[in-house]
């Protein structure tokens, strides 16, 4: 039977405001909602954003590679790509060298949106980090990278 103090510690751990995962979710949702408010008028939803960001870096990649880079399930990527295609932001072609593979390309319209929409990321980040010093922002970035690495290591070791 747990003691009263052990029960208090357990309850405090599960309190939403004490959960790093919950706080990370709130931060992610806040970033997404603010960014989407600024990109929606261009036909870009929060769900489309990570795909466009990745394709602005390099298009002509396979659907599977896009899933891998974004750490998403292939099925989730397929659904998102259908939406992007419907909005006229991407087109897909079968790879001539490997017909089993579908390659994803930006349309000229989507390519042109990069100049308009990429600055939105800087605006949202500036709003999020208002009142933080550059050193605090770098420290936060480093801490988040460490958390991501720790969780990736955990996930890898749990599969082995």
C-alpha atoms as a PDB file:
ATOM      1  CA  UNK A   1       0.000   0.000   0.000  1.00  0.00           C
ATOM      2  CA  UNK A   2       1.557   3.378  -0.982  1.00  0.00           C
ATOM      3  CA  UNK A   3       2.156   5.882   1.757  1.00  0.00           C
ATOM      4  CA  UNK A   4       0.383   9.224   1.728  1.00  0.00           C
ATOM      5  CA  UNK A   5       3.510  11.048   0.503  1.00  0.00           C
ATOM      6  CA  UNK A   6       4.057   8.470  -2.298  1.00  0.00           C
ATOM      7  CA  UNK A   7       0.449   8.919  -3.390  1.00  0.00           C
ATOM      8  CA  UNK A   8       0.909  12.714  -3.355  1.00  0.00           C
ATOM      9  CA  UNK A   9       4.044  12.428  -5.518  1.00  0.00           C
ATOM     10  CA  UNK A  10       2.244  10.110  -7.968  1.00  0.00           C
ATOM     11  CA  UNK A  11      -0.740  12.449  -8.190  1.00  0.00           C
ATOM     12  CA  UNK A  12       1.553  15.447  -8.741  1.00  0.00           C
ATOM     13  CA  UNK A  13       3.428  13.607 -11.508  1.00  0.00           C
ATOM     14  CA  UNK A  14       0.223  12.989 -13.406  1.00  0.00           C
ATOM     15  CA  UNK A  15      -1.049  16.547 -13.021  1.00  0.00           C
ATOM     16  CA  UNK A  16      -1.256  18.030 -16.499  1.00  0.00           C
ATOM     17  CA  UNK A  17       0.814  21.068 -15.648  1.00  0.00           C
ATOM     18  CA  UNK A  18       3.640  18.797 -14.445  1.00  0.00           C
ATOM     19  CA  UNK A  19       3.666  16.539 -17.491  1.00  0.00           C
ATOM     20  CA  UNK A  20       6.403  17.407 -19.984  1.00  0.00           C
ATOM     21  CA  UNK A  21       4.527  15.484 -22.666  1.00  0.00           C
ATOM     22  CA  UNK A  22       1.375  17.496 -22.061  1.00  0.00           C
ATOM     23  CA  UNK A  23       3.309  20.785 -22.054  1.00  0.00           C
ATOM     24  CA  UNK A  24       5.042  19.747 -25.296  1.00  0.00           C
ATOM     25  CA  UNK A  25       1.624  19.008 -26.796  1.00  0.00           C
ATOM     26  CA  UNK A  26       0.337  22.452 -25.728  1.00  0.00           C
ATOM     27  CA  UNK A  27       3.385  24.136 -27.273  1.00  0.00           C
ATOM     28  CA  UNK A  28       2.979  22.143 -30.505  1.00  0.00           C
ATOM     29  CA  UNK A  29      -0.745  22.929 -30.741  1.00  0.00           C
ATOM     30  CA  UNK A  30      -0.136  26.606 -30.024  1.00  0.00           C
ATOM     31  CA  UNK A  31       2.547  26.833 -32.728  1.00  0.00           C
ATOM     32  CA  UNK A  32       0.316  24.950 -35.190  1.00  0.00           C
ATOM     33  CA  UNK A  33      -2.795  27.028 -34.543  1.00  0.00           C
ATOM     34  CA  UNK A  34      -1.019  30.370 -34.822  1.00  0.00           C
ATOM     35  CA  UNK A  35       0.866  29.302 -37.953  1.00  0.00           C
ATOM     36  CA  UNK A  36      -2.298  27.892 -39.552  1.00  0.00           C
ATOM     37  CA  UNK A  37      -4.139  31.160 -38.898  1.00  0.00           C
ATOM     38  CA  UNK A  38      -1.500  32.794 -41.108  1.00  0.00           C
ATOM     39  CA  UNK A  39      -1.239  30.083 -43.813  1.00  0.00           C
ATOM     40  CA  UNK A  40      -4.862  28.971 -44.217  1.00  0.00           C
ATOM     41  CA  UNK A  41      -5.658  31.830 -46.618  1.00  0.00           C
ATOM     42  CA  UNK A  42      -3.095  30.247 -48.976  1.00  0.00           C
ATOM     43  CA  UNK A  43      -4.739  26.795 -48.744  1.00  0.00           C
ATOM     44  CA  UNK A  44      -2.130  25.413 -46.339  1.00  0.00           C
ATOM     45  CA  UNK A  45      -3.434  23.661 -43.228  1.00  0.00           C
ATOM     46  CA  UNK A  46      -1.477  22.651 -40.153  1.00  0.00           C
ATOM     47  CA  UNK A  47      -1.476  19.073 -41.451  1.00  0.00           C
ATOM     48  CA  UNK A  48       0.020  20.119 -44.779  1.00  0.00           C
ATOM     49  CA  UNK A  49       2.715  22.300 -43.267  1.00  0.00           C
ATOM     50  CA  UNK A  50       5.364  19.668 -42.370  1.00  0.00           C
ATOM     51  CA  UNK A  51       5.112  18.123 -45.832  1.00  0.00           C
ATOM     52  CA  UNK A  52       5.570  21.445 -47.583  1.00  0.00           C
ATOM     53  CA  UNK A  53       8.486  22.372 -45.301  1.00  0.00           C
ATOM     54  CA  UNK A  54      10.212  19.111 -46.161  1.00  0.00           C
ATOM     55  CA  UNK A  55       9.447  19.395 -49.880  1.00  0.00           C
ATOM     56  CA  UNK A  56      10.705  22.994 -49.983  1.00  0.00           C
ATOM     57  CA  UNK A  57      14.023  21.584 -48.804  1.00  0.00           C
ATOM     58  CA  UNK A  58      13.957  18.802 -51.409  1.00  0.00           C
ATOM     59  CA  UNK A  59      11.195  17.569 -53.645  1.00  0.00           C
ATOM     60  CA  UNK A  60      11.185  14.575 -55.951  1.00  0.00           C
ATOM     61  CA  UNK A  61      11.488  12.205 -52.986  1.00  0.00           C
ATOM     62  CA  UNK A  62       9.464   9.057 -52.510  1.00  0.00           C
ATOM     63  CA  UNK A  63       6.349   8.951 -50.369  1.00  0.00           C
ATOM     64  CA  UNK A  64       8.089   6.444 -48.122  1.00  0.00           C
ATOM     65  CA  UNK A  65      11.161   8.659 -47.721  1.00  0.00           C
ATOM     66  CA  UNK A  66       8.927  11.600 -46.906  1.00  0.00           C
ATOM     67  CA  UNK A  67       7.242   9.491 -44.199  1.00  0.00           C
ATOM     68  CA  UNK A  68      10.622   8.521 -42.801  1.00  0.00           C
ATOM     69  CA  UNK A  69      11.910  12.097 -42.717  1.00  0.00           C
ATOM     70  CA  UNK A  70       8.771  13.338 -40.974  1.00  0.00           C
ATOM     71  CA  UNK A  71       8.570  10.324 -38.644  1.00  0.00           C
ATOM     72  CA  UNK A  72       5.053   9.496 -39.840  1.00  0.00           C
ATOM     73  CA  UNK A  73       3.250   6.358 -40.866  1.00  0.00           C
ATOM     74  CA  UNK A  74       3.060   5.755 -44.630  1.00  0.00           C
ATOM     75  CA  UNK A  75      -0.759   5.741 -44.436  1.00  0.00           C
ATOM     76  CA  UNK A  76      -0.788   9.168 -42.747  1.00  0.00           C
ATOM     77  CA  UNK A  77       1.522  10.503 -45.443  1.00  0.00           C
ATOM     78  CA  UNK A  78      -0.706   9.091 -48.200  1.00  0.00           C
ATOM     79  CA  UNK A  79      -3.784  10.855 -46.762  1.00  0.00           C
ATOM     80  CA  UNK A  80      -1.915  14.166 -46.376  1.00  0.00           C
ATOM     81  CA  UNK A  81      -0.540  13.938 -49.907  1.00  0.00           C
ATOM     82  CA  UNK A  82      -4.042  13.404 -51.299  1.00  0.00           C
ATOM     83  CA  UNK A  83      -5.058  16.660 -49.588  1.00  0.00           C
ATOM     84  CA  UNK A  84      -2.007  18.502 -50.908  1.00  0.00           C
ATOM     85  CA  UNK A  85      -2.745  17.187 -54.392  1.00  0.00           C
ATOM     86  CA  UNK A  86      -6.387  18.301 -54.140  1.00  0.00           C
ATOM     87  CA  UNK A  87      -5.193  21.808 -53.163  1.00  0.00           C
ATOM     88  CA  UNK A  88      -2.902  21.879 -56.225  1.00  0.00           C
ATOM     89  CA  UNK A  89       0.274  21.949 -54.124  1.00  0.00           C
ATOM     90  CA  UNK A  90       1.921  18.691 -55.191  1.00  0.00           C
ATOM     91  CA  UNK A  91       1.835  16.107 -57.932  1.00  0.00           C
ATOM     92  CA  UNK A  92       3.030  12.525 -57.804  1.00  0.00           C
ATOM     93  CA  UNK A  93       4.809  10.492 -60.446  1.00  0.00           C
ATOM     94  CA  UNK A  94       5.934   6.926 -60.613  1.00  0.00           C
ATOM     95  CA  UNK A  95       9.723   6.675 -60.414  1.00  0.00           C
ATOM     96  CA  UNK A  96      11.013   5.680 -63.851  1.00  0.00           C
ATOM     97  CA  UNK A  97      13.933   3.774 -62.315  1.00  0.00           C
ATOM     98  CA  UNK A  98      11.814   1.891 -59.773  1.00  0.00           C
ATOM     99  CA  UNK A  99       8.160   1.635 -60.747  1.00  0.00           C
ATOM    100  CA  UNK A 100       7.243   0.503 -57.207  1.00  0.00           C
ATOM    101  CA  UNK A 101       8.077   3.984 -55.951  1.00  0.00           C
ATOM    102  CA  UNK A 102       5.978   7.153 -56.186  1.00  0.00           C
ATOM    103  CA  UNK A 103       7.874  10.432 -56.150  1.00  0.00           C
ATOM    104  CA  UNK A 104       6.388  13.645 -54.782  1.00  0.00           C
ATOM    105  CA  UNK A 105       6.970  17.012 -56.461  1.00  0.00           C
ATOM    106  CA  UNK A 106       5.852  20.533 -55.623  1.00  0.00           C
ATOM    107  CA  UNK A 107       3.725  22.378 -58.155  1.00  0.00           C
ATOM    108  CA  UNK A 108       5.001  25.763 -59.340  1.00  0.00           C
ATOM    109  CA  UNK A 109       2.292  27.353 -57.158  1.00  0.00           C
ATOM    110  CA  UNK A 110       3.543  25.546 -54.035  1.00  0.00           C
ATOM    111  CA  UNK A 111       7.149  26.400 -54.842  1.00  0.00           C
ATOM    112  CA  UNK A 112       6.186  30.087 -55.101  1.00  0.00           C
ATOM    113  CA  UNK A 113       4.421  29.943 -51.710  1.00  0.00           C
ATOM    114  CA  UNK A 114       7.728  29.221 -49.955  1.00  0.00           C
ATOM    115  CA  UNK A 115       8.750  32.879 -50.119  1.00  0.00           C
ATOM    116  CA  UNK A 116       5.455  33.947 -48.585  1.00  0.00           C
ATOM    117  CA  UNK A 117       4.966  31.215 -46.009  1.00  0.00           C
ATOM    118  CA  UNK A 118       8.425  30.363 -44.688  1.00  0.00           C
ATOM    119  CA  UNK A 119       8.704  33.756 -42.942  1.00  0.00           C
ATOM    120  CA  UNK A 120       5.566  32.780 -41.002  1.00  0.00           C
ATOM    121  CA  UNK A 121       7.683  30.250 -39.094  1.00  0.00           C
ATOM    122  CA  UNK A 122      10.029  33.023 -37.972  1.00  0.00           C
ATOM    123  CA  UNK A 123       7.063  35.185 -36.925  1.00  0.00           C
ATOM    124  CA  UNK A 124       5.504  32.395 -34.879  1.00  0.00           C
ATOM    125  CA  UNK A 125       8.829  31.509 -33.260  1.00  0.00           C
ATOM    126  CA  UNK A 126       9.430  35.175 -32.428  1.00  0.00           C
ATOM    127  CA  UNK A 127       6.007  35.359 -30.772  1.00  0.00           C
ATOM    128  CA  UNK A 128       6.660  32.143 -28.844  1.00  0.00           C
ATOM    129  CA  UNK A 129      10.063  33.224 -27.570  1.00  0.00           C
ATOM    130  CA  UNK A 130       9.159  36.833 -26.791  1.00  0.00           C
ATOM    131  CA  UNK A 131      10.835  37.800 -23.517  1.00  0.00           C
ATOM    132  CA  UNK A 132      13.450  35.043 -23.736  1.00  0.00           C
ATOM    133  CA  UNK A 133      17.080  35.916 -24.271  1.00  0.00           C
ATOM    134  CA  UNK A 134      18.932  34.390 -27.249  1.00  0.00           C
ATOM    135  CA  UNK A 135      20.850  32.252 -24.722  1.00  0.00           C
ATOM    136  CA  UNK A 136      17.603  30.960 -23.221  1.00  0.00           C
ATOM    137  CA  UNK A 137      16.269  30.117 -26.671  1.00  0.00           C
ATOM    138  CA  UNK A 138      19.446  28.192 -27.524  1.00  0.00           C
ATOM    139  CA  UNK A 139      19.346  26.389 -24.170  1.00  0.00           C
ATOM    140  CA  UNK A 140      15.711  25.444 -24.753  1.00  0.00           C
ATOM    141  CA  UNK A 141      16.527  24.205 -28.258  1.00  0.00           C
ATOM    142  CA  UNK A 142      19.376  22.091 -26.882  1.00  0.00           C
ATOM    143  CA  UNK A 143      17.198  20.646 -24.123  1.00  0.00           C
ATOM    144  CA  UNK A 144      14.443  19.761 -26.596  1.00  0.00           C
ATOM    145  CA  UNK A 145      16.958  18.035 -28.890  1.00  0.00           C
ATOM    146  CA  UNK A 146      18.202  16.008 -25.917  1.00  0.00           C
ATOM    147  CA  UNK A 147      14.651  14.973 -25.031  1.00  0.00           C
ATOM    148  CA  UNK A 148      13.982  13.924 -28.623  1.00  0.00           C
ATOM    149  CA  UNK A 149      17.224  11.907 -28.687  1.00  0.00           C
ATOM    150  CA  UNK A 150      16.412  10.256 -25.351  1.00  0.00           C
ATOM    151  CA  UNK A 151      12.945   9.252 -26.530  1.00  0.00           C
ATOM    152  CA  UNK A 152      14.260   8.002 -29.874  1.00  0.00           C
ATOM    153  CA  UNK A 153      16.816   5.882 -28.020  1.00  0.00           C
ATOM    154  CA  UNK A 154      14.047   4.489 -25.785  1.00  0.00           C
ATOM    155  CA  UNK A 155      11.885   3.704 -28.783  1.00  0.00           C
ATOM    156  CA  UNK A 156      14.778   1.993 -30.567  1.00  0.00           C
ATOM    157  CA  UNK A 157      15.716  -0.115 -27.543  1.00  0.00           C
ATOM    158  CA  UNK A 158      12.083  -1.117 -26.967  1.00  0.00           C
ATOM    159  CA  UNK A 159      11.931  -2.522 -30.528  1.00  0.00           C
ATOM    160  CA  UNK A 160      15.073  -4.625 -30.067  1.00  0.00           C
END
